[in-house]
Amino acid sequence: MALGVWLKRDLVERSCQTVAGCLALSSYAIAMVVGLAAQNPMLMVLRRGLIVLVIGYLIGLAIGLIIEHVLREYVASYRAGHPVPDLAEIERAAAQNDGLLEVA
């Protein structure tokens, strides 16, 4: 994926992947530390760490999708409750009041 396309993507969409990646890497690191602290064989530690990495990513992806849905609903309700005024409408009101606008 090109860098420009990635930068233009929605922040909410990127947050889903960010949560999934953070949870996966955190669970992998914890599995490594716990496995080595228990003095398990290295192959077992790596195998379990890889399994936990995949499971952590899937759980993080589910959590990220929930967060994405909640954020999109919140942004939509906020935009509906706080509409952005049209600039032409503001200029017309200023012209009718000799350049003075009433502050509400």
PDB file of N, CA and C in Angstrom:
ATOM      1  N   MET A   1       0.847  -1.164   0.000  1.00  0.00           N
ATOM      2  CA  MET A   1       0.000   0.000   0.000  1.00  0.00           C
ATOM      3  C   MET A   1       0.899   1.235   0.000  1.00  0.00           C
ATOM      4  N   ALA A   2       0.567   2.203  -0.833  1.00  0.00           N
ATOM      5  CA  ALA A   2       1.364   3.415  -0.946  1.00  0.00           C
ATOM      6  C   ALA A   2       1.228   4.253   0.321  1.00  0.00           C
ATOM      7  N   LEU A   3       2.273   5.015   0.622  1.00  0.00           N
ATOM      8  CA  LEU A   3       2.287   5.819   1.835  1.00  0.00           C
ATOM      9  C   LEU A   3       1.186   6.870   1.815  1.00  0.00           C
ATOM     10  N   GLY A   4       0.944   7.488   0.656  1.00  0.00           N
ATOM     11  CA  GLY A   4      -0.094   8.513   0.564  1.00  0.00           C
ATOM     12  C   GLY A   4      -1.476   7.966   0.850  1.00  0.00           C
ATOM     13  N   VAL A   5      -1.747   6.769   0.365  1.00  0.00           N
ATOM     14  CA  VAL A   5      -3.044   6.145   0.615  1.00  0.00           C
ATOM     15  C   VAL A   5      -3.181   5.820   2.089  1.00  0.00           C
ATOM     16  N   TRP A   6      -2.098   5.336   2.696  1.00  0.00           N
ATOM     17  CA  TRP A   6      -2.138   5.001   4.112  1.00  0.00           C
ATOM     18  C   TRP A   6      -2.385   6.245   4.956  1.00  0.00           C
ATOM     19  N   LEU A   7      -1.760   7.370   4.600  1.00  0.00           N
ATOM     20  CA  LEU A   7      -1.929   8.595   5.369  1.00  0.00           C
ATOM     21  C   LEU A   7      -3.340   9.159   5.231  1.00  0.00           C
ATOM     22  N   LYS A   8      -3.993   8.901   4.092  1.00  0.00           N
ATOM     23  CA  LYS A   8      -5.333   9.435   3.866  1.00  0.00           C
ATOM     24  C   LYS A   8      -6.419   8.586   4.499  1.00  0.00           C
ATOM     25  N   ARG A   9      -6.076   7.371   4.930  1.00  0.00           N
ATOM     26  CA  ARG A   9      -7.083   6.507   5.539  1.00  0.00           C
ATOM     27  C   ARG A   9      -7.604   7.111   6.825  1.00  0.00           C
ATOM     28  N   ASP A  10      -8.787   6.735   7.155  1.00  0.00           N
ATOM     29  CA  ASP A  10      -9.458   7.254   8.329  1.00  0.00           C
ATOM     30  C   ASP A  10      -8.727   6.832   9.604  1.00  0.00           C
ATOM     31  N   LEU A  11      -8.647   7.738  10.560  1.00  0.00           N
ATOM     32  CA  LEU A  11      -7.983   7.433  11.828  1.00  0.00           C
ATOM     33  C   LEU A  11      -8.693   6.312  12.567  1.00  0.00           C
ATOM     34  N   VAL A  12     -10.002   6.262  12.457  1.00  0.00           N
ATOM     35  CA  VAL A  12     -10.762   5.214  13.132  1.00  0.00           C
ATOM     36  C   VAL A  12     -10.410   3.850  12.546  1.00  0.00           C
ATOM     37  N   GLU A  13     -10.255   3.779  11.232  1.00  0.00           N
ATOM     38  CA  GLU A  13      -9.916   2.514  10.588  1.00  0.00           C
ATOM     39  C   GLU A  13      -8.530   2.040  11.010  1.00  0.00           C
ATOM     40  N   ARG A  14      -7.586   2.970  11.131  1.00  0.00           N
ATOM     41  CA  ARG A  14      -6.242   2.600  11.552  1.00  0.00           C
ATOM     42  C   ARG A  14      -6.198   2.185  13.013  1.00  0.00           C
ATOM     43  N   SER A  15      -7.100   2.721  13.833  1.00  0.00           N
ATOM     44  CA  SER A  15      -7.081   2.378  15.250  1.00  0.00           C
ATOM     45  C   SER A  15      -7.425   0.912  15.470  1.00  0.00           C
ATOM     46  N   CYS A  16      -8.241   0.334  14.602  1.00  0.00           N
ATOM     47  CA  CYS A  16      -8.596  -1.084  14.710  1.00  0.00           C
ATOM     48  C   CYS A  16      -7.349  -1.945  14.557  1.00  0.00           C
ATOM     49  N   GLN A  17      -6.536  -1.673  13.569  1.00  0.00           N
ATOM     50  CA  GLN A  17      -5.316  -2.445  13.341  1.00  0.00           C
ATOM     51  C   GLN A  17      -4.270  -2.161  14.414  1.00  0.00           C
ATOM     52  N   THR A  18      -4.258  -0.950  14.933  1.00  0.00           N
ATOM     53  CA  THR A  18      -3.308  -0.595  15.972  1.00  0.00           C
ATOM     54  C   THR A  18      -3.597  -1.360  17.259  1.00  0.00           C
ATOM     55  N   VAL A  19      -4.864  -1.440  17.632  1.00  0.00           N
ATOM     56  CA  VAL A  19      -5.243  -2.188  18.833  1.00  0.00           C
ATOM     57  C   VAL A  19      -4.874  -3.658  18.666  1.00  0.00           C
ATOM     58  N   ALA A  20      -5.158  -4.208  17.504  1.00  0.00           N
ATOM     59  CA  ALA A  20      -4.860  -5.621  17.250  1.00  0.00           C
ATOM     60  C   ALA A  20      -3.352  -5.882  17.326  1.00  0.00           C
ATOM     61  N   GLY A  21      -2.567  -5.032  16.718  1.00  0.00           N
ATOM     62  CA  GLY A  21      -1.113  -5.206  16.743  1.00  0.00           C
ATOM     63  C   GLY A  21      -0.530  -5.055  18.130  1.00  0.00           C
ATOM     64  N   CYS A  22      -1.008  -4.076  18.877  1.00  0.00           N
ATOM     65  CA  CYS A  22      -0.497  -3.869  20.241  1.00  0.00           C
ATOM     66  C   CYS A  22      -0.836  -5.037  21.150  1.00  0.00           C
ATOM     67  N   LEU A  23      -2.063  -5.538  21.047  1.00  0.00           N
ATOM     68  CA  LEU A  23      -2.445  -6.664  21.890  1.00  0.00           C
ATOM     69  C   LEU A  23      -1.667  -7.922  21.511  1.00  0.00           C
ATOM     70  N   ALA A  24      -1.458  -8.134  20.216  1.00  0.00           N
ATOM     71  CA  ALA A  24      -0.716  -9.310  19.769  1.00  0.00           C
ATOM     72  C   ALA A  24       0.738  -9.267  20.256  1.00  0.00           C
ATOM     73  N   LEU A  25       1.390  -8.134  20.086  1.00  0.00           N
ATOM     74  CA  LEU A  25       2.790  -8.033  20.512  1.00  0.00           C
ATOM     75  C   LEU A  25       2.937  -8.084  22.030  1.00  0.00           C
ATOM     76  N   SER A  26       1.985  -7.508  22.728  1.00  0.00           N
ATOM     77  CA  SER A  26       2.034  -7.563  24.196  1.00  0.00           C
ATOM     78  C   SER A  26       1.865  -8.997  24.689  1.00  0.00           C
ATOM     79  N   SER A  27       0.916  -9.711  24.101  1.00  0.00           N
ATOM     80  CA  SER A  27       0.705 -11.098  24.530  1.00  0.00           C
ATOM     81  C   SER A  27       1.905 -11.968  24.175  1.00  0.00           C
ATOM     82  N   TYR A  28       2.539 -11.698  23.042  1.00  0.00           N
ATOM     83  CA  TYR A  28       3.741 -12.442  22.654  1.00  0.00           C
ATOM     84  C   TYR A  28       4.874 -12.196  23.654  1.00  0.00           C
ATOM     85  N   ALA A  29       5.071 -10.938  24.011  1.00  0.00           N
ATOM     86  CA  ALA A  29       6.139 -10.603  24.951  1.00  0.00           C
ATOM     87  C   ALA A  29       5.894 -11.244  26.312  1.00  0.00           C
ATOM     88  N   ILE A  30       4.653 -11.221  26.771  1.00  0.00           N
ATOM     89  CA  ILE A  30       4.329 -11.840  28.053  1.00  0.00           C
ATOM     90  C   ILE A  30       4.562 -13.348  27.994  1.00  0.00           C
ATOM     91  N   ALA A  31       4.156 -13.981  26.884  1.00  0.00           N
ATOM     92  CA  ALA A  31       4.362 -15.425  26.740  1.00  0.00           C
ATOM     93  C   ALA A  31       5.853 -15.762  26.739  1.00  0.00           C
ATOM     94  N   MET A  32       6.665 -14.937  26.104  1.00  0.00           N
ATOM     95  CA  MET A  32       8.110 -15.177  26.079  1.00  0.00           C
ATOM     96  C   MET A  32       8.704 -15.081  27.484  1.00  0.00           C
ATOM     97  N   VAL A  33       8.350 -14.024  28.195  1.00  0.00           N
ATOM     98  CA  VAL A  33       8.922 -13.811  29.530  1.00  0.00           C
ATOM     99  C   VAL A  33       8.479 -14.911  30.489  1.00  0.00           C
ATOM    100  N   VAL A  34       7.198 -15.255  30.459  1.00  0.00           N
ATOM    101  CA  VAL A  34       6.690 -16.286  31.367  1.00  0.00           C
ATOM    102  C   VAL A  34       7.292 -17.651  31.031  1.00  0.00           C
ATOM    103  N   GLY A  35       7.388 -17.950  29.736  1.00  0.00           N
ATOM    104  CA  GLY A  35       7.960 -19.233  29.335  1.00  0.00           C
ATOM    105  C   GLY A  35       9.421 -19.366  29.714  1.00  0.00           C
ATOM    106  N   LEU A  36      10.184 -18.298  29.522  1.00  0.00           N
ATOM    107  CA  LEU A  36      11.595 -18.343  29.896  1.00  0.00           C
ATOM    108  C   LEU A  36      11.775 -18.362  31.410  1.00  0.00           C
ATOM    109  N   ALA A  37      10.904 -17.662  32.126  1.00  0.00           N
ATOM    110  CA  ALA A  37      10.989 -17.659  33.588  1.00  0.00           C
ATOM    111  C   ALA A  37      10.672 -19.041  34.159  1.00  0.00           C
ATOM    112  N   ALA A  38       9.817 -19.787  33.469  1.00  0.00           N
ATOM    113  CA  ALA A  38       9.467 -21.137  33.925  1.00  0.00           C
ATOM    114  C   ALA A  38      10.497 -22.162  33.479  1.00  0.00           C
ATOM    115  N   GLN A  39      11.520 -21.704  32.752  1.00  0.00           N
ATOM    116  CA  GLN A  39      12.607 -22.536  32.241  1.00  0.00           C
ATOM    117  C   GLN A  39      12.091 -23.656  31.335  1.00  0.00           C
ATOM    118  N   ASN A  40      11.117 -23.314  30.505  1.00  0.00           N
ATOM    119  CA  ASN A  40      10.634 -24.253  29.493  1.00  0.00           C
ATOM    120  C   ASN A  40      11.641 -24.326  28.354  1.00  0.00           C
ATOM    121  N   PRO A  41      11.634 -25.390  27.575  1.00  0.00           N
ATOM    122  CA  PRO A  41      12.529 -25.472  26.413  1.00  0.00           C
ATOM    123  C   PRO A  41      12.210 -24.360  25.400  1.00  0.00           C
ATOM    124  N   MET A  42      13.243 -23.878  24.713  1.00  0.00           N
ATOM    125  CA  MET A  42      13.093 -22.734  23.811  1.00  0.00           C
ATOM    126  C   MET A  42      12.070 -22.998  22.710  1.00  0.00           C
ATOM    127  N   LEU A  43      12.066 -24.197  22.140  1.00  0.00           N
ATOM    128  CA  LEU A  43      11.114 -24.500  21.071  1.00  0.00           C
ATOM    129  C   LEU A  43       9.681 -24.407  21.580  1.00  0.00           C
ATOM    130  N   MET A  44       9.426 -24.878  22.793  1.00  0.00           N
ATOM    131  CA  MET A  44       8.090 -24.796  23.370  1.00  0.00           C
ATOM    132  C   MET A  44       7.690 -23.347  23.616  1.00  0.00           C
ATOM    133  N   VAL A  45       8.633 -22.549  24.098  1.00  0.00           N
ATOM    134  CA  VAL A  45       8.365 -21.141  24.368  1.00  0.00           C
ATOM    135  C   VAL A  45       8.029 -20.415  23.070  1.00  0.00           C
ATOM    136  N   LEU A  46       8.808 -20.656  22.023  1.00  0.00           N
ATOM    137  CA  LEU A  46       8.555 -19.996  20.744  1.00  0.00           C
ATOM    138  C   LEU A  46       7.236 -20.441  20.124  1.00  0.00           C
ATOM    139  N   ARG A  47       6.939 -21.738  20.217  1.00  0.00           N
ATOM    140  CA  ARG A  47       5.687 -22.253  19.651  1.00  0.00           C
ATOM    141  C   ARG A  47       4.483 -21.626  20.366  1.00  0.00           C
ATOM    142  N   ARG A  48       4.524 -21.631  21.687  1.00  0.00           N
ATOM    143  CA  ARG A  48       3.424 -21.040  22.442  1.00  0.00           C
ATOM    144  C   ARG A  48       3.332 -19.536  22.208  1.00  0.00           C
ATOM    145  N   GLY A  49       4.483 -18.896  22.089  1.00  0.00           N
ATOM    146  CA  GLY A  49       4.478 -17.458  21.811  1.00  0.00           C
ATOM    147  C   GLY A  49       3.837 -17.134  20.481  1.00  0.00           C
ATOM    148  N   LEU A  50       4.112 -17.953  19.468  1.00  0.00           N
ATOM    149  CA  LEU A  50       3.511 -17.731  18.155  1.00  0.00           C
ATOM    150  C   LEU A  50       2.006 -17.962  18.193  1.00  0.00           C
ATOM    151  N   ILE A  51       1.583 -18.990  18.913  1.00  0.00           N
ATOM    152  CA  ILE A  51       0.141 -19.262  19.045  1.00  0.00           C
ATOM    153  C   ILE A  51      -0.552 -18.102  19.762  1.00  0.00           C
ATOM    154  N   VAL A  52       0.070 -17.622  20.833  1.00  0.00           N
ATOM    155  CA  VAL A  52      -0.503 -16.504  21.586  1.00  0.00           C
ATOM    156  C   VAL A  52      -0.514 -15.232  20.738  1.00  0.00           C
ATOM    157  N   LEU A  53       0.493 -15.060  19.885  1.00  0.00           N
ATOM    158  CA  LEU A  53       0.545 -13.902  19.000  1.00  0.00           C
ATOM    159  C   LEU A  53      -0.663 -13.882  18.073  1.00  0.00           C
ATOM    160  N   VAL A  54      -0.971 -15.005  17.459  1.00  0.00           N
ATOM    161  CA  VAL A  54      -2.109 -15.082  16.534  1.00  0.00           C
ATOM    162  C   VAL A  54      -3.424 -14.881  17.283  1.00  0.00           C
ATOM    163  N   ILE A  55      -3.569 -15.549  18.416  1.00  0.00           N
ATOM    164  CA  ILE A  55      -4.800 -15.413  19.195  1.00  0.00           C
ATOM    165  C   ILE A  55      -4.961 -13.975  19.698  1.00  0.00           C
ATOM    166  N   GLY A  56      -3.876 -13.380  20.148  1.00  0.00           N
ATOM    167  CA  GLY A  56      -3.921 -11.989  20.609  1.00  0.00           C
ATOM    168  C   GLY A  56      -4.298 -11.034  19.501  1.00  0.00           C
ATOM    169  N   TYR A  57      -3.810 -11.296  18.278  1.00  0.00           N
ATOM    170  CA  TYR A  57      -4.168 -10.436  17.153  1.00  0.00           C
ATOM    171  C   TYR A  57      -5.658 -10.547  16.841  1.00  0.00           C
ATOM    172  N   LEU A  58      -6.183 -11.759  16.856  1.00  0.00           N
ATOM    173  CA  LEU A  58      -7.609 -11.944  16.558  1.00  0.00           C
ATOM    174  C   LEU A  58      -8.494 -11.299  17.629  1.00  0.00           C
ATOM    175  N   ILE A  59      -8.119 -11.454  18.889  1.00  0.00           N
ATOM    176  CA  ILE A  59      -8.881 -10.805  19.961  1.00  0.00           C
ATOM    177  C   ILE A  59      -8.773  -9.287  19.847  1.00  0.00           C
ATOM    178  N   GLY A  60      -7.567  -8.791  19.570  1.00  0.00           N
ATOM    179  CA  GLY A  60      -7.371  -7.352  19.400  1.00  0.00           C
ATOM    180  C   GLY A  60      -8.131  -6.810  18.208  1.00  0.00           C
ATOM    181  N   LEU A  61      -8.226  -7.595  17.141  1.00  0.00           N
ATOM    182  CA  LEU A  61      -8.993  -7.179  15.972  1.00  0.00           C
ATOM    183  C   LEU A  61     -10.469  -7.057  16.324  1.00  0.00           C
ATOM    184  N   ALA A  62     -10.990  -8.007  17.103  1.00  0.00           N
ATOM    185  CA  ALA A  62     -12.392  -7.933  17.521  1.00  0.00           C
ATOM    186  C   ALA A  62     -12.634  -6.711  18.400  1.00  0.00           C
ATOM    187  N   ILE A  63     -11.727  -6.465  19.338  1.00  0.00           N
ATOM    188  CA  ILE A  63     -11.853  -5.287  20.201  1.00  0.00           C
ATOM    189  C   ILE A  63     -11.759  -4.006  19.367  1.00  0.00           C
ATOM    190  N   GLY A  64     -10.830  -3.993  18.415  1.00  0.00           N
ATOM    191  CA  GLY A  64     -10.680  -2.825  17.548  1.00  0.00           C
ATOM    192  C   GLY A  64     -11.908  -2.563  16.704  1.00  0.00           C
ATOM    193  N   LEU A  65     -12.550  -3.620  16.206  1.00  0.00           N
ATOM    194  CA  LEU A  65     -13.774  -3.439  15.424  1.00  0.00           C
ATOM    195  C   LEU A  65     -14.897  -2.870  16.281  1.00  0.00           C
ATOM    196  N   ILE A  66     -14.971  -3.302  17.536  1.00  0.00           N
ATOM    197  CA  ILE A  66     -15.977  -2.745  18.444  1.00  0.00           C
ATOM    198  C   ILE A  66     -15.694  -1.269  18.689  1.00  0.00           C
ATOM    199  N   ILE A  67     -14.434  -0.939  18.935  1.00  0.00           N
ATOM    200  CA  ILE A  67     -14.054   0.462  19.148  1.00  0.00           C
ATOM    201  C   ILE A  67     -14.367   1.285  17.907  1.00  0.00           C
ATOM    202  N   GLU A  68     -14.060   0.744  16.731  1.00  0.00           N
ATOM    203  CA  GLU A  68     -14.329   1.444  15.480  1.00  0.00           C
ATOM    204  C   GLU A  68     -15.825   1.737  15.333  1.00  0.00           C
ATOM    205  N   HIS A  69     -16.664   0.757  15.629  1.00  0.00           N
ATOM    206  CA  HIS A  69     -18.103   0.937  15.513  1.00  0.00           C
ATOM    207  C   HIS A  69     -18.604   2.016  16.473  1.00  0.00           C
ATOM    208  N   VAL A  70     -18.129   1.974  17.722  1.00  0.00           N
ATOM    209  CA  VAL A  70     -18.552   2.960  18.717  1.00  0.00           C
ATOM    210  C   VAL A  70     -18.097   4.360  18.314  1.00  0.00           C
ATOM    211  N   LEU A  71     -16.859   4.491  17.844  1.00  0.00           N
ATOM    212  CA  LEU A  71     -16.354   5.803  17.440  1.00  0.00           C
ATOM    213  C   LEU A  71     -17.115   6.356  16.243  1.00  0.00           C
ATOM    214  N   ARG A  72     -17.418   5.513  15.261  1.00  0.00           N
ATOM    215  CA  ARG A  72     -18.173   5.985  14.093  1.00  0.00           C
ATOM    216  C   ARG A  72     -19.571   6.454  14.498  1.00  0.00           C
ATOM    217  N   GLU A  73     -20.231   5.729  15.403  1.00  0.00           N
ATOM    218  CA  GLU A  73     -21.550   6.160  15.872  1.00  0.00           C
ATOM    219  C   GLU A  73     -21.462   7.483  16.620  1.00  0.00           C
ATOM    220  N   TYR A  74     -20.440   7.626  17.463  1.00  0.00           N
ATOM    221  CA  TYR A  74     -20.285   8.860  18.219  1.00  0.00           C
ATOM    222  C   TYR A  74     -20.026  10.043  17.297  1.00  0.00           C
ATOM    223  N   VAL A  75     -19.143   9.868  16.330  1.00  0.00           N
ATOM    224  CA  VAL A  75     -18.829  10.961  15.404  1.00  0.00           C
ATOM    225  C   VAL A  75     -20.063  11.339  14.587  1.00  0.00           C
ATOM    226  N   ALA A  76     -20.827  10.343  14.153  1.00  0.00           N
ATOM    227  CA  ALA A  76     -22.044  10.637  13.376  1.00  0.00           C
ATOM    228  C   ALA A  76     -23.059  11.398  14.222  1.00  0.00           C
ATOM    229  N   SER A  77     -23.246  11.003  15.481  1.00  0.00           N
ATOM    230  CA  SER A  77     -24.209  11.718  16.326  1.00  0.00           C
ATOM    231  C   SER A  77     -23.697  13.117  16.670  1.00  0.00           C
ATOM    232  N   TYR A  78     -22.390  13.261  16.847  1.00  0.00           N
ATOM    233  CA  TYR A  78     -21.833  14.582  17.141  1.00  0.00           C
ATOM    234  C   TYR A  78     -22.005  15.516  15.946  1.00  0.00           C
ATOM    235  N   ARG A  79     -21.728  15.007  14.760  1.00  0.00           N
ATOM    236  CA  ARG A  79     -21.891  15.835  13.563  1.00  0.00           C
ATOM    237  C   ARG A  79     -23.351  16.211  13.334  1.00  0.00           C
ATOM    238  N   ALA A  80     -24.272  15.301  13.651  1.00  0.00           N
ATOM    239  CA  ALA A  80     -25.692  15.606  13.490  1.00  0.00           C
ATOM    240  C   ALA A  80     -26.136  16.660  14.501  1.00  0.00           C
ATOM    241  N   GLY A  81     -25.595  16.633  15.696  1.00  0.00           N
ATOM    242  CA  GLY A  81     -25.968  17.590  16.732  1.00  0.00           C
ATOM    243  C   GLY A  81     -25.248  18.926  16.644  1.00  0.00           C
ATOM    244  N   HIS A  82     -24.117  18.958  15.964  1.00  0.00           N
ATOM    245  CA  HIS A  82     -23.311  20.176  15.838  1.00  0.00           C
ATOM    246  C   HIS A  82     -22.972  20.418  14.363  1.00  0.00           C
ATOM    247  N   PRO A  83     -23.943  20.832  13.568  1.00  0.00           N
ATOM    248  CA  PRO A  83     -23.659  21.030  12.142  1.00  0.00           C
ATOM    249  C   PRO A  83     -22.728  22.225  11.923  1.00  0.00           C
ATOM    250  N   VAL A  84     -21.920  22.136  10.899  1.00  0.00           N
ATOM    251  CA  VAL A  84     -21.013  23.220  10.539  1.00  0.00           C
ATOM    252  C   VAL A  84     -21.808  24.231   9.710  1.00  0.00           C
ATOM    253  N   PRO A  85     -21.809  25.508  10.125  1.00  0.00           N
ATOM    254  CA  PRO A  85     -22.592  26.488   9.380  1.00  0.00           C
ATOM    255  C   PRO A  85     -21.987  26.741   7.998  1.00  0.00           C
ATOM    256  N   ASP A  86     -22.849  27.063   7.073  1.00  0.00           N
ATOM    257  CA  ASP A  86     -22.430  27.354   5.708  1.00  0.00           C
ATOM    258  C   ASP A  86     -21.807  28.743   5.669  1.00  0.00           C
ATOM    259  N   LEU A  87     -20.663  28.895   5.033  1.00  0.00           N
ATOM    260  CA  LEU A  87     -19.957  30.170   4.984  1.00  0.00           C
ATOM    261  C   LEU A  87     -20.760  31.216   4.226  1.00  0.00           C
ATOM    262  N   ALA A  88     -21.440  30.828   3.158  1.00  0.00           N
ATOM    263  CA  ALA A  88     -22.252  31.780   2.393  1.00  0.00           C
ATOM    264  C   ALA A  88     -23.385  32.327   3.265  1.00  0.00           C
ATOM    265  N   GLU A  89     -23.962  31.492   4.108  1.00  0.00           N
ATOM    266  CA  GLU A  89     -25.036  31.930   5.004  1.00  0.00           C
ATOM    267  C   GLU A  89     -24.520  32.941   6.020  1.00  0.00           C
ATOM    268  N   ILE A  90     -23.327  32.727   6.528  1.00  0.00           N
ATOM    269  CA  ILE A  90     -22.730  33.667   7.488  1.00  0.00           C
ATOM    270  C   ILE A  90     -22.433  35.001   6.816  1.00  0.00           C
ATOM    271  N   GLU A  91     -21.917  34.951   5.589  1.00  0.00           N
ATOM    272  CA  GLU A  91     -21.612  36.192   4.861  1.00  0.00           C
ATOM    273  C   GLU A  91     -22.888  36.969   4.552  1.00  0.00           C
ATOM    274  N   ARG A  92     -23.971  36.279   4.199  1.00  0.00           N
ATOM    275  CA  ARG A  92     -25.250  36.950   3.941  1.00  0.00           C
ATOM    276  C   ARG A  92     -25.769  37.626   5.204  1.00  0.00           C
ATOM    277  N   ALA A  93     -25.660  36.938   6.341  1.00  0.00           N
ATOM    278  CA  ALA A  93     -26.115  37.515   7.605  1.00  0.00           C
ATOM    279  C   ALA A  93     -25.274  38.722   7.978  1.00  0.00           C
ATOM    280  N   ALA A  94     -23.991  38.678   7.710  1.00  0.00           N
ATOM    281  CA  ALA A  94     -23.109  39.814   8.008  1.00  0.00           C
ATOM    282  C   ALA A  94     -23.432  40.997   7.107  1.00  0.00           C
ATOM    283  N   ALA A  95     -23.746  40.731   5.845  1.00  0.00           N
ATOM    284  CA  ALA A  95     -24.073  41.793   4.906  1.00  0.00           C
ATOM    285  C   ALA A  95     -25.399  42.446   5.296  1.00  0.00           C
ATOM    286  N   GLN A  96     -26.349  41.698   5.794  1.00  0.00           N
ATOM    287  CA  GLN A  96     -27.646  42.236   6.176  1.00  0.00           C
ATOM    288  C   GLN A  96     -27.534  43.084   7.455  1.00  0.00           C
ATOM    289  N   ASN A  97     -26.589  42.768   8.303  1.00  0.00           N
ATOM    290  CA  ASN A  97     -26.414  43.508   9.574  1.00  0.00           C
ATOM    291  C   ASN A  97     -25.265  44.488   9.521  1.00  0.00           C
ATOM    292  N   ASP A  98     -24.910  44.947   8.332  1.00  0.00           N
ATOM    293  CA  ASP A  98     -23.811  45.908   8.133  1.00  0.00           C
ATOM    294  C   ASP A  98     -22.506  45.412   8.712  1.00  0.00           C
ATOM    295  N   GLY A  99     -22.234  44.149   8.523  1.00  0.00           N
ATOM    296  CA  GLY A  99     -20.963  43.581   8.948  1.00  0.00           C
ATOM    297  C   GLY A  99     -20.916  43.160  10.401  1.00  0.00           C
ATOM    298  N   LEU A 100     -21.999  43.370  11.147  1.00  0.00           N
ATOM    299  CA  LEU A 100     -22.033  42.982  12.554  1.00  0.00           C
ATOM    300  C   LEU A 100     -22.763  41.654  12.701  1.00  0.00           C
ATOM    301  N   LEU A 101     -22.179  40.769  13.425  1.00  0.00           N
ATOM    302  CA  LEU A 101     -22.805  39.477  13.692  1.00  0.00           C
ATOM    303  C   LEU A 101     -23.182  39.384  15.141  1.00  0.00           C
ATOM    304  N   GLU A 102     -24.341  38.803  15.407  1.00  0.00           N
ATOM    305  CA  GLU A 102     -24.749  38.590  16.783  1.00  0.00           C
ATOM    306  C   GLU A 102     -24.075  37.322  17.302  1.00  0.00           C
ATOM    307  N   VAL A 103     -23.538  37.412  18.487  1.00  0.00           N
ATOM    308  CA  VAL A 103     -22.907  36.252  19.101  1.00  0.00           C
ATOM    309  C   VAL A 103     -23.917  35.621  20.028  1.00  0.00           C
ATOM    310  N   ALA A 104     -24.184  34.352  19.789  1.00  0.00           N
ATOM    311  CA  ALA A 104     -25.207  33.668  20.609  1.00  0.00           C
ATOM    312  C   ALA A 104     -24.607  33.121  21.869  1.00  0.00           C
TER     313      ALA A 104
END
